[in-house]
Amino acid sequence: MNDTHRMRSRLTIFIGMITVFVAGLLASRYLFMPDAVLHGSSRATSVATVLVPPRTLPDFRLVDQATRPLAKNDLSGRWTLVFMGFTNCGDVCPTTLYTLSEAVKKLPAPPDVLFVSVDPERDTPEIIDAYVRGFSDSMSGATGNDKQLRAFAESLSAPYHVRKHDDLYIVDHSSAVFLLDPATQLHAVFGAPHQAEAIAKDLEQIMAARSATTAPPKQLY
């Protein structure tokens, strides 16, 4: 009886641990999944979630890797892929930026790639500049103060958290990539895992579709 009781107790504890793990996994999935993916979106593409209609973003103020002001209007007139992370990121950030650099190489008219650091305490513009140049000379970077970054992240539904305790310095951030259209609207979201070939195909489809809808009417005579 005692052995049976111990076995049941251990089984109950094990099931409880699995339940907590699964609940946490699901919670983190929704915490770091943009609400644009959850509401008012369309998934006609392969890996991208296209927002219908695109989300208008509020103005924002950041600082680029050359310490120049970077505002919403500075990104207008072109497509931009935005990824938010930090330079001390061990795996997700470098893998994602490398994948994006490979994806845009496959396009005749590639979008810009903008890396925004959410760790301004350690990531100075100079550090960000050296970091992004390690992936591509055409890639740009930016950061800002905490208020500016949180406002920008909130507009994309990309929450992040910086936790410091003793020797621990943890930065939690979204793994999503955000596509801004030439009107600087949030046009699509690419969720992880990221694959260069799939991203390139979806980008080509998305940009071609928008060009078709904004092209001037043909003259009939």
N, C-alpha and C. Protein backbone atom coordinates (compact mmCIF):
# COMPACT_ATOMS: atom_id res chain seq x y z
N MET A 1 0.84 -1.20 0.00
CA MET A 1 0.00 0.00 0.00
C MET A 1 0.87 1.25 0.00
N ASN A 2 1.94 1.22 0.81
CA ASN A 2 2.81 2.38 0.89
C ASN A 2 3.47 2.65 -0.46
N ASP A 3 3.95 1.56 -1.11
CA ASP A 3 4.59 1.73 -2.41
C ASP A 3 3.60 2.28 -3.44
N THR A 4 2.37 1.76 -3.38
CA THR A 4 1.34 2.24 -4.30
C THR A 4 1.04 3.72 -4.06
N HIS A 5 0.99 4.08 -2.79
CA HIS A 5 0.71 5.47 -2.42
C HIS A 5 1.84 6.39 -2.90
N ARG A 6 3.08 5.94 -2.72
CA ARG A 6 4.21 6.76 -3.17
C ARG A 6 4.19 6.91 -4.69
N MET A 7 3.88 5.82 -5.40
CA MET A 7 3.84 5.87 -6.85
C MET A 7 2.78 6.84 -7.34
N ARG A 8 1.61 6.79 -6.67
CA ARG A 8 0.53 7.71 -7.06
C ARG A 8 0.92 9.15 -6.77
N SER A 9 1.60 9.38 -5.67
CA SER A 9 2.02 10.73 -5.31
C SER A 9 3.01 11.28 -6.33
N ARG A 10 3.99 10.42 -6.69
CA ARG A 10 4.97 10.84 -7.68
C ARG A 10 4.32 11.12 -9.02
N LEU A 11 3.34 10.27 -9.39
CA LEU A 11 2.64 10.45 -10.65
C LEU A 11 1.87 11.76 -10.65
N THR A 12 1.24 12.06 -9.50
CA THR A 12 0.48 13.30 -9.38
C THR A 12 1.39 14.51 -9.51
N ILE A 13 2.56 14.45 -8.87
CA ILE A 13 3.53 15.55 -8.95
C ILE A 13 4.03 15.72 -10.38
N PHE A 14 4.32 14.58 -11.04
CA PHE A 14 4.82 14.63 -12.40
C PHE A 14 3.79 15.25 -13.34
N ILE A 15 2.53 14.82 -13.19
CA ILE A 15 1.46 15.37 -14.04
C ILE A 15 1.31 16.87 -13.77
N GLY A 16 1.43 17.26 -12.50
CA GLY A 16 1.33 18.67 -12.16
C GLY A 16 2.43 19.49 -12.80
N MET A 17 3.66 18.93 -12.80
CA MET A 17 4.78 19.65 -13.41
C MET A 17 4.58 19.80 -14.91
N ILE A 18 4.09 18.74 -15.55
CA ILE A 18 3.83 18.80 -16.99
C ILE A 18 2.76 19.84 -17.28
N THR A 19 1.72 19.89 -16.46
CA THR A 19 0.63 20.84 -16.66
C THR A 19 1.13 22.27 -16.56
N VAL A 20 1.96 22.52 -15.54
CA VAL A 20 2.52 23.87 -15.36
C VAL A 20 3.40 24.25 -16.54
N PHE A 21 4.21 23.28 -17.01
CA PHE A 21 5.10 23.55 -18.15
C PHE A 21 4.30 23.91 -19.39
N VAL A 22 3.27 23.11 -19.69
CA VAL A 22 2.45 23.35 -20.88
C VAL A 22 1.73 24.69 -20.76
N ALA A 23 1.21 24.99 -19.58
CA ALA A 23 0.51 26.27 -19.38
C ALA A 23 1.46 27.44 -19.59
N GLY A 24 2.67 27.30 -19.08
CA GLY A 24 3.66 28.36 -19.27
C GLY A 24 4.04 28.53 -20.72
N LEU A 25 4.17 27.40 -21.42
CA LEU A 25 4.51 27.45 -22.84
C LEU A 25 3.44 28.16 -23.64
N LEU A 26 2.19 27.84 -23.35
CA LEU A 26 1.09 28.49 -24.05
C LEU A 26 1.01 29.97 -23.71
N ALA A 27 1.23 30.28 -22.44
CA ALA A 27 1.19 31.68 -22.02
C ALA A 27 2.26 32.49 -22.72
N SER A 28 3.48 31.94 -22.79
CA SER A 28 4.57 32.66 -23.45
C SER A 28 4.30 32.81 -24.93
N ARG A 29 3.64 31.82 -25.51
CA ARG A 29 3.31 31.89 -26.94
C ARG A 29 2.42 33.09 -27.21
N TYR A 30 1.39 33.29 -26.36
CA TYR A 30 0.48 34.40 -26.58
C TYR A 30 1.08 35.71 -26.10
N LEU A 31 1.97 35.66 -25.10
CA LEU A 31 2.61 36.89 -24.62
C LEU A 31 3.46 37.50 -25.70
N PHE A 32 4.21 36.67 -26.43
CA PHE A 32 5.14 37.18 -27.43
C PHE A 32 4.61 37.06 -28.85
N MET A 33 3.33 36.71 -29.01
CA MET A 33 2.72 36.69 -30.33
C MET A 33 1.95 38.00 -30.51
N PRO A 34 2.27 38.79 -31.53
CA PRO A 34 1.59 40.07 -31.71
C PRO A 34 0.09 39.88 -31.81
N ASP A 35 -0.68 40.83 -31.23
CA ASP A 35 -2.13 40.68 -31.29
C ASP A 35 -2.63 40.84 -32.72
N ALA A 36 -1.79 41.42 -33.60
CA ALA A 36 -2.17 41.50 -35.00
C ALA A 36 -2.32 40.12 -35.60
N VAL A 37 -1.57 39.15 -35.09
CA VAL A 37 -1.66 37.78 -35.57
C VAL A 37 -2.95 37.14 -35.08
N LEU A 38 -3.40 37.56 -33.92
CA LEU A 38 -4.57 36.94 -33.31
C LEU A 38 -5.88 37.54 -33.80
N HIS A 39 -5.86 38.80 -34.24
CA HIS A 39 -7.09 39.48 -34.60
C HIS A 39 -6.93 40.23 -35.92
N GLY A 40 -7.94 40.17 -36.76
CA GLY A 40 -7.98 40.96 -37.97
C GLY A 40 -6.85 40.70 -38.94
N SER A 41 -6.53 39.44 -39.19
CA SER A 41 -5.42 39.14 -40.08
C SER A 41 -5.82 38.06 -41.08
N SER A 42 -4.99 37.92 -42.10
CA SER A 42 -5.24 36.93 -43.14
C SER A 42 -3.96 36.14 -43.38
N ARG A 43 -4.06 34.85 -43.67
CA ARG A 43 -2.87 34.03 -43.86
C ARG A 43 -2.88 33.35 -45.22
N ALA A 44 -2.99 34.16 -46.29
CA ALA A 44 -2.98 33.61 -47.63
C ALA A 44 -1.56 33.27 -48.06
N THR A 45 -0.58 33.85 -47.39
CA THR A 45 0.81 33.59 -47.71
C THR A 45 1.28 32.32 -47.01
N SER A 46 2.54 31.95 -47.26
CA SER A 46 3.06 30.71 -46.70
C SER A 46 3.42 30.82 -45.22
N VAL A 47 4.24 31.80 -44.87
CA VAL A 47 4.68 31.94 -43.48
C VAL A 47 4.33 33.29 -42.87
N ALA A 48 3.97 34.26 -43.69
CA ALA A 48 3.65 35.59 -43.19
C ALA A 48 2.16 35.72 -42.89
N THR A 49 1.86 36.49 -41.87
CA THR A 49 0.47 36.85 -41.59
C THR A 49 0.27 38.28 -42.06
N VAL A 50 -0.55 38.46 -43.07
CA VAL A 50 -0.79 39.78 -43.65
C VAL A 50 -1.97 40.43 -42.95
N LEU A 51 -1.79 41.67 -42.50
CA LEU A 51 -2.84 42.38 -41.81
C LEU A 51 -3.78 43.04 -42.81
N VAL A 52 -5.06 42.82 -42.63
CA VAL A 52 -6.06 43.39 -43.51
C VAL A 52 -7.10 44.13 -42.66
N PRO A 53 -7.07 45.48 -42.68
CA PRO A 53 -6.12 46.34 -43.40
C PRO A 53 -4.82 46.47 -42.61
N PRO A 54 -3.79 47.05 -43.21
CA PRO A 54 -2.55 47.27 -42.46
C PRO A 54 -2.79 48.17 -41.25
N ARG A 55 -1.98 48.00 -40.22
CA ARG A 55 -2.15 48.79 -39.00
C ARG A 55 -1.36 50.10 -39.10
N THR A 56 -2.05 51.20 -38.90
CA THR A 56 -1.39 52.50 -38.87
C THR A 56 -0.61 52.65 -37.58
N LEU A 57 0.65 52.99 -37.69
CA LEU A 57 1.50 53.14 -36.51
C LEU A 57 1.56 54.59 -36.07
N PRO A 58 1.63 54.84 -34.77
CA PRO A 58 1.85 56.21 -34.30
C PRO A 58 3.28 56.63 -34.62
N ASP A 59 3.53 57.91 -34.56
CA ASP A 59 4.90 58.38 -34.78
C ASP A 59 5.80 57.84 -33.68
N PHE A 60 7.05 57.66 -33.99
CA PHE A 60 7.99 57.16 -32.99
C PHE A 60 9.31 57.92 -33.12
N ARG A 61 10.09 57.86 -32.07
CA ARG A 61 11.38 58.52 -32.04
C ARG A 61 12.43 57.53 -31.54
N LEU A 62 13.39 57.23 -32.39
CA LEU A 62 14.49 56.35 -32.02
C LEU A 62 15.81 57.04 -32.42
N VAL A 63 16.91 56.34 -32.22
CA VAL A 63 18.23 56.83 -32.63
C VAL A 63 18.90 55.74 -33.44
N ASP A 64 19.40 56.07 -34.63
CA ASP A 64 20.01 55.03 -35.46
C ASP A 64 21.45 54.77 -35.06
N GLN A 65 22.11 53.87 -35.79
CA GLN A 65 23.46 53.44 -35.41
C GLN A 65 24.50 54.54 -35.62
N ALA A 66 24.12 55.62 -36.29
CA ALA A 66 25.02 56.75 -36.48
C ALA A 66 24.64 57.90 -35.53
N THR A 67 23.83 57.60 -34.52
CA THR A 67 23.35 58.55 -33.49
C THR A 67 22.44 59.63 -34.08
N ARG A 68 21.88 59.38 -35.25
CA ARG A 68 20.94 60.33 -35.84
C ARG A 68 19.52 59.97 -35.43
N PRO A 69 18.64 60.97 -35.30
CA PRO A 69 17.24 60.68 -34.96
C PRO A 69 16.60 59.82 -36.05
N LEU A 70 15.78 58.89 -35.63
CA LEU A 70 15.05 58.03 -36.56
C LEU A 70 13.57 58.09 -36.20
N ALA A 71 12.77 58.63 -37.10
CA ALA A 71 11.34 58.78 -36.87
C ALA A 71 10.55 58.00 -37.92
N LYS A 72 9.26 57.97 -37.74
CA LYS A 72 8.39 57.21 -38.64
C LYS A 72 8.56 57.66 -40.09
N ASN A 73 8.61 58.95 -40.32
CA ASN A 73 8.71 59.46 -41.69
C ASN A 73 10.01 59.05 -42.38
N ASP A 74 11.03 58.74 -41.58
CA ASP A 74 12.31 58.34 -42.17
C ASP A 74 12.23 56.97 -42.84
N LEU A 75 11.22 56.20 -42.51
CA LEU A 75 11.06 54.86 -43.10
C LEU A 75 10.02 54.85 -44.22
N SER A 76 9.40 55.99 -44.49
CA SER A 76 8.36 56.03 -45.51
C SER A 76 8.95 55.93 -46.91
N GLY A 77 8.17 55.41 -47.82
CA GLY A 77 8.60 55.30 -49.21
C GLY A 77 9.31 54.01 -49.55
N ARG A 78 9.49 53.13 -48.57
CA ARG A 78 10.15 51.85 -48.85
C ARG A 78 9.66 50.78 -47.87
N TRP A 79 9.87 49.53 -48.22
CA TRP A 79 9.52 48.42 -47.35
C TRP A 79 10.64 48.22 -46.34
N THR A 80 10.25 47.88 -45.10
CA THR A 80 11.25 47.68 -44.05
C THR A 80 10.88 46.47 -43.19
N LEU A 81 11.84 45.56 -43.01
CA LEU A 81 11.67 44.45 -42.08
C LEU A 81 12.28 44.87 -40.75
N VAL A 82 11.50 44.78 -39.68
CA VAL A 82 11.94 45.21 -38.36
C VAL A 82 12.04 44.00 -37.44
N PHE A 83 13.20 43.89 -36.78
CA PHE A 83 13.36 42.84 -35.76
C PHE A 83 13.90 43.50 -34.50
N MET A 84 13.28 43.17 -33.35
CA MET A 84 13.68 43.76 -32.08
C MET A 84 14.39 42.71 -31.22
N GLY A 85 15.59 43.05 -30.75
CA GLY A 85 16.37 42.11 -29.95
C GLY A 85 17.48 42.83 -29.21
N PHE A 86 18.64 42.18 -29.07
CA PHE A 86 19.78 42.82 -28.39
C PHE A 86 21.06 42.12 -28.82
N THR A 87 22.18 42.82 -28.77
CA THR A 87 23.41 42.30 -29.36
C THR A 87 24.03 41.16 -28.56
N ASN A 88 23.69 41.06 -27.27
CA ASN A 88 24.23 39.97 -26.45
C ASN A 88 23.38 38.71 -26.52
N CYS A 89 22.39 38.72 -27.38
CA CYS A 89 21.50 37.58 -27.57
C CYS A 89 22.32 36.39 -28.08
N GLY A 90 22.13 35.24 -27.46
CA GLY A 90 22.97 34.10 -27.78
C GLY A 90 22.65 33.39 -29.06
N ASP A 91 21.37 33.30 -29.43
CA ASP A 91 21.01 32.45 -30.57
C ASP A 91 19.93 33.07 -31.45
N VAL A 92 18.81 33.47 -30.86
CA VAL A 92 17.66 33.91 -31.65
C VAL A 92 17.99 35.12 -32.52
N CYS A 93 18.62 36.13 -31.94
CA CYS A 93 18.89 37.36 -32.69
C CYS A 93 19.86 37.15 -33.85
N PRO A 94 21.04 36.59 -33.62
CA PRO A 94 21.95 36.40 -34.76
C PRO A 94 21.39 35.47 -35.83
N THR A 95 20.67 34.44 -35.42
CA THR A 95 20.09 33.52 -36.39
C THR A 95 19.04 34.23 -37.23
N THR A 96 18.20 35.03 -36.58
CA THR A 96 17.14 35.74 -37.30
C THR A 96 17.72 36.78 -38.26
N LEU A 97 18.69 37.54 -37.79
CA LEU A 97 19.28 38.58 -38.65
C LEU A 97 20.02 37.95 -39.84
N TYR A 98 20.69 36.83 -39.60
CA TYR A 98 21.36 36.15 -40.71
C TYR A 98 20.32 35.66 -41.72
N THR A 99 19.23 35.10 -41.22
CA THR A 99 18.17 34.60 -42.10
C THR A 99 17.57 35.74 -42.93
N LEU A 100 17.34 36.88 -42.30
CA LEU A 100 16.79 38.02 -43.03
C LEU A 100 17.78 38.53 -44.08
N SER A 101 19.06 38.55 -43.74
CA SER A 101 20.06 39.00 -44.71
C SER A 101 20.10 38.08 -45.92
N GLU A 102 19.88 36.79 -45.70
CA GLU A 102 19.85 35.83 -46.80
C GLU A 102 18.55 35.95 -47.59
N ALA A 103 17.45 36.22 -46.91
CA ALA A 103 16.15 36.32 -47.58
C ALA A 103 16.11 37.49 -48.55
N VAL A 104 16.60 38.65 -48.12
CA VAL A 104 16.50 39.83 -48.98
C VAL A 104 17.44 39.73 -50.18
N LYS A 105 18.49 38.92 -50.09
CA LYS A 105 19.39 38.73 -51.23
C LYS A 105 18.67 38.07 -52.40
N LYS A 106 17.59 37.37 -52.12
CA LYS A 106 16.89 36.61 -53.15
C LYS A 106 15.91 37.48 -53.93
N LEU A 107 15.77 38.76 -53.56
CA LEU A 107 14.77 39.63 -54.18
C LEU A 107 15.43 40.70 -55.04
N PRO A 108 14.85 40.99 -56.21
CA PRO A 108 15.41 42.02 -57.08
C PRO A 108 15.28 43.43 -56.47
N ALA A 109 14.21 43.64 -55.70
CA ALA A 109 14.01 44.93 -55.02
C ALA A 109 13.80 44.65 -53.53
N PRO A 110 14.89 44.36 -52.82
CA PRO A 110 14.76 43.92 -51.42
C PRO A 110 14.32 45.03 -50.48
N PRO A 111 13.58 44.68 -49.44
CA PRO A 111 13.25 45.66 -48.40
C PRO A 111 14.46 45.93 -47.52
N ASP A 112 14.42 47.02 -46.78
CA ASP A 112 15.46 47.30 -45.81
C ASP A 112 15.28 46.38 -44.60
N VAL A 113 16.34 46.17 -43.86
CA VAL A 113 16.27 45.41 -42.61
C VAL A 113 16.74 46.32 -41.49
N LEU A 114 15.88 46.50 -40.49
CA LEU A 114 16.17 47.37 -39.35
C LEU A 114 16.17 46.55 -38.07
N PHE A 115 17.30 46.52 -37.40
CA PHE A 115 17.43 45.85 -36.10
C PHE A 115 17.30 46.91 -35.01
N VAL A 116 16.35 46.71 -34.10
CA VAL A 116 16.12 47.66 -33.00
C VAL A 116 16.50 46.97 -31.69
N SER A 117 17.51 47.50 -31.02
CA SER A 117 17.93 46.92 -29.74
C SER A 117 17.04 47.42 -28.62
N VAL A 118 16.57 46.47 -27.80
CA VAL A 118 15.75 46.81 -26.64
C VAL A 118 16.59 46.80 -25.37
N ASP A 119 17.91 46.83 -25.54
CA ASP A 119 18.85 46.81 -24.42
C ASP A 119 19.78 48.03 -24.51
N PRO A 120 19.21 49.25 -24.40
CA PRO A 120 20.01 50.45 -24.61
C PRO A 120 21.09 50.66 -23.55
N GLU A 121 20.94 50.04 -22.40
CA GLU A 121 21.94 50.19 -21.35
C GLU A 121 23.30 49.65 -21.80
N ARG A 122 23.28 48.59 -22.59
CA ARG A 122 24.53 47.99 -23.06
C ARG A 122 24.77 48.24 -24.54
N ASP A 123 23.70 48.37 -25.32
CA ASP A 123 23.84 48.51 -26.77
C ASP A 123 23.86 49.98 -27.19
N THR A 124 25.05 50.54 -27.28
CA THR A 124 25.20 51.91 -27.77
C THR A 124 25.07 51.90 -29.29
N PRO A 125 24.84 53.05 -29.90
CA PRO A 125 24.78 53.09 -31.37
C PRO A 125 26.04 52.52 -32.03
N GLU A 126 27.20 52.76 -31.43
CA GLU A 126 28.45 52.24 -32.00
C GLU A 126 28.48 50.72 -31.98
N ILE A 127 28.03 50.14 -30.87
CA ILE A 127 27.99 48.68 -30.76
C ILE A 127 26.98 48.10 -31.75
N ILE A 128 25.85 48.74 -31.87
CA ILE A 128 24.82 48.28 -32.80
C ILE A 128 25.33 48.36 -34.24
N ASP A 129 26.05 49.42 -34.56
CA ASP A 129 26.59 49.59 -35.91
C ASP A 129 27.52 48.43 -36.27
N ALA A 130 28.43 48.12 -35.36
CA ALA A 130 29.36 47.00 -35.62
C ALA A 130 28.60 45.68 -35.71
N TYR A 131 27.57 45.53 -34.91
CA TYR A 131 26.80 44.28 -34.87
C TYR A 131 26.08 44.04 -36.19
N VAL A 132 25.34 45.02 -36.68
CA VAL A 132 24.56 44.81 -37.90
C VAL A 132 25.46 44.68 -39.13
N ARG A 133 26.60 45.35 -39.11
CA ARG A 133 27.52 45.23 -40.25
C ARG A 133 28.12 43.83 -40.35
N GLY A 134 28.05 43.09 -39.26
CA GLY A 134 28.51 41.71 -39.30
C GLY A 134 27.59 40.82 -40.13
N PHE A 135 26.37 41.29 -40.39
CA PHE A 135 25.42 40.52 -41.18
C PHE A 135 25.31 41.07 -42.61
N SER A 136 25.30 42.39 -42.73
CA SER A 136 25.18 43.00 -44.05
C SER A 136 25.52 44.48 -43.94
N ASP A 137 26.22 44.99 -44.95
CA ASP A 137 26.56 46.41 -44.96
C ASP A 137 25.33 47.28 -45.15
N SER A 138 24.27 46.69 -45.69
CA SER A 138 23.04 47.46 -45.94
C SER A 138 22.05 47.40 -44.78
N MET A 139 22.33 46.56 -43.79
CA MET A 139 21.43 46.46 -42.64
C MET A 139 21.63 47.65 -41.72
N SER A 140 20.56 48.16 -41.15
CA SER A 140 20.66 49.30 -40.25
C SER A 140 20.20 48.91 -38.86
N GLY A 141 20.55 49.75 -37.89
CA GLY A 141 20.20 49.48 -36.50
C GLY A 141 19.71 50.72 -35.80
N ALA A 142 19.05 50.53 -34.68
CA ALA A 142 18.53 51.66 -33.91
C ALA A 142 18.28 51.23 -32.48
N THR A 143 18.11 52.20 -31.63
CA THR A 143 17.72 51.97 -30.25
C THR A 143 17.06 53.26 -29.74
N GLY A 144 16.94 53.41 -28.46
CA GLY A 144 16.31 54.59 -27.88
C GLY A 144 16.31 54.46 -26.38
N ASN A 145 15.69 55.41 -25.71
CA ASN A 145 15.55 55.25 -24.27
C ASN A 145 14.38 54.32 -23.99
N ASP A 146 14.21 53.98 -22.73
CA ASP A 146 13.20 52.97 -22.38
C ASP A 146 11.80 53.40 -22.81
N LYS A 147 11.47 54.66 -22.62
CA LYS A 147 10.13 55.15 -22.98
C LYS A 147 9.91 55.05 -24.48
N GLN A 148 10.91 55.44 -25.26
CA GLN A 148 10.79 55.40 -26.72
C GLN A 148 10.67 53.96 -27.22
N LEU A 149 11.48 53.08 -26.66
CA LEU A 149 11.46 51.69 -27.09
C LEU A 149 10.16 51.01 -26.75
N ARG A 150 9.66 51.27 -25.55
CA ARG A 150 8.40 50.63 -25.14
C ARG A 150 7.23 51.13 -25.98
N ALA A 151 7.23 52.39 -26.34
CA ALA A 151 6.17 52.92 -27.19
C ALA A 151 6.22 52.27 -28.58
N PHE A 152 7.43 52.13 -29.11
CA PHE A 152 7.59 51.51 -30.43
C PHE A 152 7.19 50.04 -30.38
N ALA A 153 7.66 49.35 -29.34
CA ALA A 153 7.32 47.93 -29.20
C ALA A 153 5.82 47.73 -29.03
N GLU A 154 5.20 48.60 -28.26
CA GLU A 154 3.75 48.49 -28.05
C GLU A 154 2.99 48.69 -29.35
N SER A 155 3.46 49.58 -30.21
CA SER A 155 2.77 49.83 -31.48
C SER A 155 2.82 48.61 -32.39
N LEU A 156 3.85 47.77 -32.20
CA LEU A 156 3.97 46.54 -32.99
C LEU A 156 3.40 45.32 -32.26
N SER A 157 2.96 45.52 -31.03
CA SER A 157 2.53 44.40 -30.17
C SER A 157 3.68 43.42 -29.98
N ALA A 158 4.85 43.96 -29.64
CA ALA A 158 6.06 43.16 -29.46
C ALA A 158 6.63 43.42 -28.07
N PRO A 159 6.04 42.88 -27.02
CA PRO A 159 6.50 43.15 -25.66
C PRO A 159 7.91 42.63 -25.42
N TYR A 160 8.63 43.29 -24.54
CA TYR A 160 9.94 42.81 -24.12
C TYR A 160 10.11 43.12 -22.65
N HIS A 161 10.99 42.36 -21.99
CA HIS A 161 11.25 42.53 -20.56
C HIS A 161 12.73 42.39 -20.30
N VAL A 162 13.29 43.33 -19.57
CA VAL A 162 14.69 43.26 -19.14
C VAL A 162 14.69 42.98 -17.65
N ARG A 163 15.32 41.87 -17.26
CA ARG A 163 15.35 41.47 -15.85
C ARG A 163 16.79 41.37 -15.38
N LYS A 164 17.09 42.09 -14.31
CA LYS A 164 18.43 42.06 -13.74
C LYS A 164 18.35 41.66 -12.28
N HIS A 165 19.11 40.63 -11.94
CA HIS A 165 19.14 40.15 -10.55
C HIS A 165 20.52 39.58 -10.27
N ASP A 166 21.26 40.25 -9.38
CA ASP A 166 22.64 39.86 -9.07
C ASP A 166 23.45 39.79 -10.37
N ASP A 167 23.95 38.60 -10.71
CA ASP A 167 24.77 38.45 -11.91
C ASP A 167 23.94 38.10 -13.15
N LEU A 168 22.64 37.98 -12.98
CA LEU A 168 21.78 37.61 -14.10
C LEU A 168 21.31 38.86 -14.85
N TYR A 169 21.36 38.82 -16.16
CA TYR A 169 20.87 39.91 -17.01
C TYR A 169 20.11 39.25 -18.14
N ILE A 170 18.80 39.24 -18.05
CA ILE A 170 17.96 38.50 -18.98
C ILE A 170 17.09 39.47 -19.77
N VAL A 171 17.08 39.31 -21.08
CA VAL A 171 16.23 40.13 -21.95
C VAL A 171 15.29 39.21 -22.70
N ASP A 172 14.01 39.30 -22.40
CA ASP A 172 12.99 38.53 -23.11
C ASP A 172 12.37 39.43 -24.18
N HIS A 173 12.25 38.91 -25.39
CA HIS A 173 11.71 39.74 -26.47
C HIS A 173 11.01 38.86 -27.50
N SER A 174 10.24 39.49 -28.34
CA SER A 174 9.52 38.77 -29.39
C SER A 174 10.49 38.23 -30.42
N SER A 175 10.17 37.08 -30.98
CA SER A 175 10.98 36.51 -32.05
C SER A 175 10.39 36.82 -33.42
N ALA A 176 9.31 37.59 -33.45
CA ALA A 176 8.64 37.91 -34.71
C ALA A 176 9.41 38.96 -35.49
N VAL A 177 9.21 38.95 -36.80
CA VAL A 177 9.74 39.96 -37.70
C VAL A 177 8.56 40.73 -38.27
N PHE A 178 8.66 42.06 -38.26
CA PHE A 178 7.54 42.91 -38.66
C PHE A 178 7.85 43.61 -39.97
N LEU A 179 6.91 43.57 -40.89
CA LEU A 179 7.08 44.19 -42.20
C LEU A 179 6.29 45.49 -42.26
N LEU A 180 7.01 46.60 -42.44
CA LEU A 180 6.39 47.91 -42.61
C LEU A 180 6.33 48.23 -44.10
N ASP A 181 5.20 48.70 -44.57
CA ASP A 181 5.07 49.02 -45.99
C ASP A 181 5.55 50.45 -46.26
N PRO A 182 5.54 50.90 -47.52
CA PRO A 182 6.04 52.24 -47.84
C PRO A 182 5.28 53.38 -47.16
N ALA A 183 4.09 53.10 -46.65
CA ALA A 183 3.34 54.11 -45.89
C ALA A 183 3.67 54.02 -44.41
N THR A 184 4.66 53.22 -44.05
CA THR A 184 5.08 52.96 -42.67
C THR A 184 3.91 52.43 -41.84
N GLN A 185 3.14 51.55 -42.44
CA GLN A 185 2.10 50.81 -41.74
C GLN A 185 2.60 49.40 -41.47
N LEU A 186 2.11 48.80 -40.39
CA LEU A 186 2.43 47.40 -40.12
C LEU A 186 1.63 46.55 -41.09
N HIS A 187 2.31 45.96 -42.05
CA HIS A 187 1.64 45.28 -43.15
C HIS A 187 1.57 43.77 -42.96
N ALA A 188 2.60 43.20 -42.34
CA ALA A 188 2.63 41.74 -42.15
C ALA A 188 3.56 41.38 -41.00
N VAL A 189 3.37 40.17 -40.49
CA VAL A 189 4.19 39.66 -39.39
C VAL A 189 4.69 38.27 -39.77
N PHE A 190 5.99 38.06 -39.57
CA PHE A 190 6.59 36.74 -39.80
C PHE A 190 6.91 36.12 -38.45
N GLY A 191 6.23 35.03 -38.12
CA GLY A 191 6.49 34.34 -36.87
C GLY A 191 7.60 33.31 -37.02
N ALA A 192 8.24 32.99 -35.91
CA ALA A 192 9.30 31.97 -35.91
C ALA A 192 8.68 30.57 -36.04
N PRO A 193 9.45 29.61 -36.55
CA PRO A 193 10.85 29.69 -37.00
C PRO A 193 10.95 30.34 -38.37
N HIS A 194 12.07 31.02 -38.61
CA HIS A 194 12.25 31.78 -39.84
C HIS A 194 13.11 31.00 -40.83
N GLN A 195 12.67 31.00 -42.09
CA GLN A 195 13.41 30.35 -43.17
C GLN A 195 13.54 31.34 -44.32
N ALA A 196 14.76 31.53 -44.79
CA ALA A 196 15.03 32.56 -45.78
C ALA A 196 14.21 32.39 -47.06
N GLU A 197 14.15 31.17 -47.57
CA GLU A 197 13.45 30.92 -48.83
C GLU A 197 11.96 31.25 -48.69
N ALA A 198 11.35 30.81 -47.61
CA ALA A 198 9.92 31.06 -47.40
C ALA A 198 9.64 32.55 -47.21
N ILE A 199 10.49 33.22 -46.45
CA ILE A 199 10.31 34.66 -46.23
C ILE A 199 10.43 35.41 -47.55
N ALA A 200 11.42 35.06 -48.35
CA ALA A 200 11.63 35.73 -49.64
C ALA A 200 10.42 35.57 -50.56
N LYS A 201 9.87 34.37 -50.61
CA LYS A 201 8.71 34.13 -51.47
C LYS A 201 7.51 34.94 -51.01
N ASP A 202 7.28 34.98 -49.70
CA ASP A 202 6.15 35.74 -49.19
C ASP A 202 6.35 37.24 -49.40
N LEU A 203 7.58 37.71 -49.20
CA LEU A 203 7.86 39.14 -49.43
C LEU A 203 7.57 39.52 -50.88
N GLU A 204 8.01 38.69 -51.79
CA GLU A 204 7.77 38.97 -53.21
C GLU A 204 6.28 39.03 -53.51
N GLN A 205 5.52 38.11 -52.93
CA GLN A 205 4.09 38.06 -53.14
C GLN A 205 3.41 39.28 -52.52
N ILE A 206 3.79 39.63 -51.29
CA ILE A 206 3.18 40.76 -50.59
C ILE A 206 3.46 42.07 -51.30
N MET A 207 4.71 42.29 -51.69
CA MET A 207 5.07 43.56 -52.32
C MET A 207 4.44 43.68 -53.71
N ALA A 208 4.36 42.57 -54.43
CA ALA A 208 3.73 42.60 -55.75
C ALA A 208 2.24 42.89 -55.64
N ALA A 209 1.60 42.31 -54.63
CA ALA A 209 0.17 42.52 -54.44
C ALA A 209 -0.12 43.99 -54.13
N ARG A 210 0.72 44.59 -53.29
CA ARG A 210 0.48 46.00 -52.96
C ARG A 210 0.75 46.90 -54.14
N SER A 211 1.78 46.58 -54.93
CA SER A 211 2.08 47.38 -56.12
C SER A 211 0.92 47.35 -57.10
N ALA A 212 0.26 46.19 -57.18
CA ALA A 212 -0.86 46.05 -58.10
C ALA A 212 -2.05 46.91 -57.66
N THR A 213 -2.24 47.01 -56.34
CA THR A 213 -3.39 47.78 -55.84
C THR A 213 -3.14 49.27 -55.84
N THR A 214 -1.87 49.70 -55.85
CA THR A 214 -1.56 51.13 -55.82
C THR A 214 -1.12 51.67 -57.17
N ALA A 215 -1.04 50.80 -58.20
CA ALA A 215 -0.61 51.23 -59.51
C ALA A 215 -1.68 52.12 -60.13
N PRO A 216 -1.28 53.17 -60.88
CA PRO A 216 -2.26 54.03 -61.53
C PRO A 216 -3.02 53.28 -62.61
N PRO A 217 -4.28 53.65 -62.90
CA PRO A 217 -5.05 52.94 -63.93
C PRO A 217 -4.44 53.13 -65.31
N LYS A 218 -4.55 52.08 -66.11
CA LYS A 218 -4.01 52.14 -67.47
C LYS A 218 -4.90 53.01 -68.38
N GLN A 219 -4.25 53.72 -69.28
CA GLN A 219 -4.99 54.51 -70.27
C GLN A 219 -5.64 53.59 -71.29
N LEU A 220 -6.89 53.79 -71.52
CA LEU A 220 -7.61 52.97 -72.50
C LEU A 220 -7.47 53.48 -73.92
N TYR A 221 -7.11 54.76 -74.05
CA TYR A 221 -6.96 55.33 -75.40
C TYR A 221 -6.04 56.54 -75.33
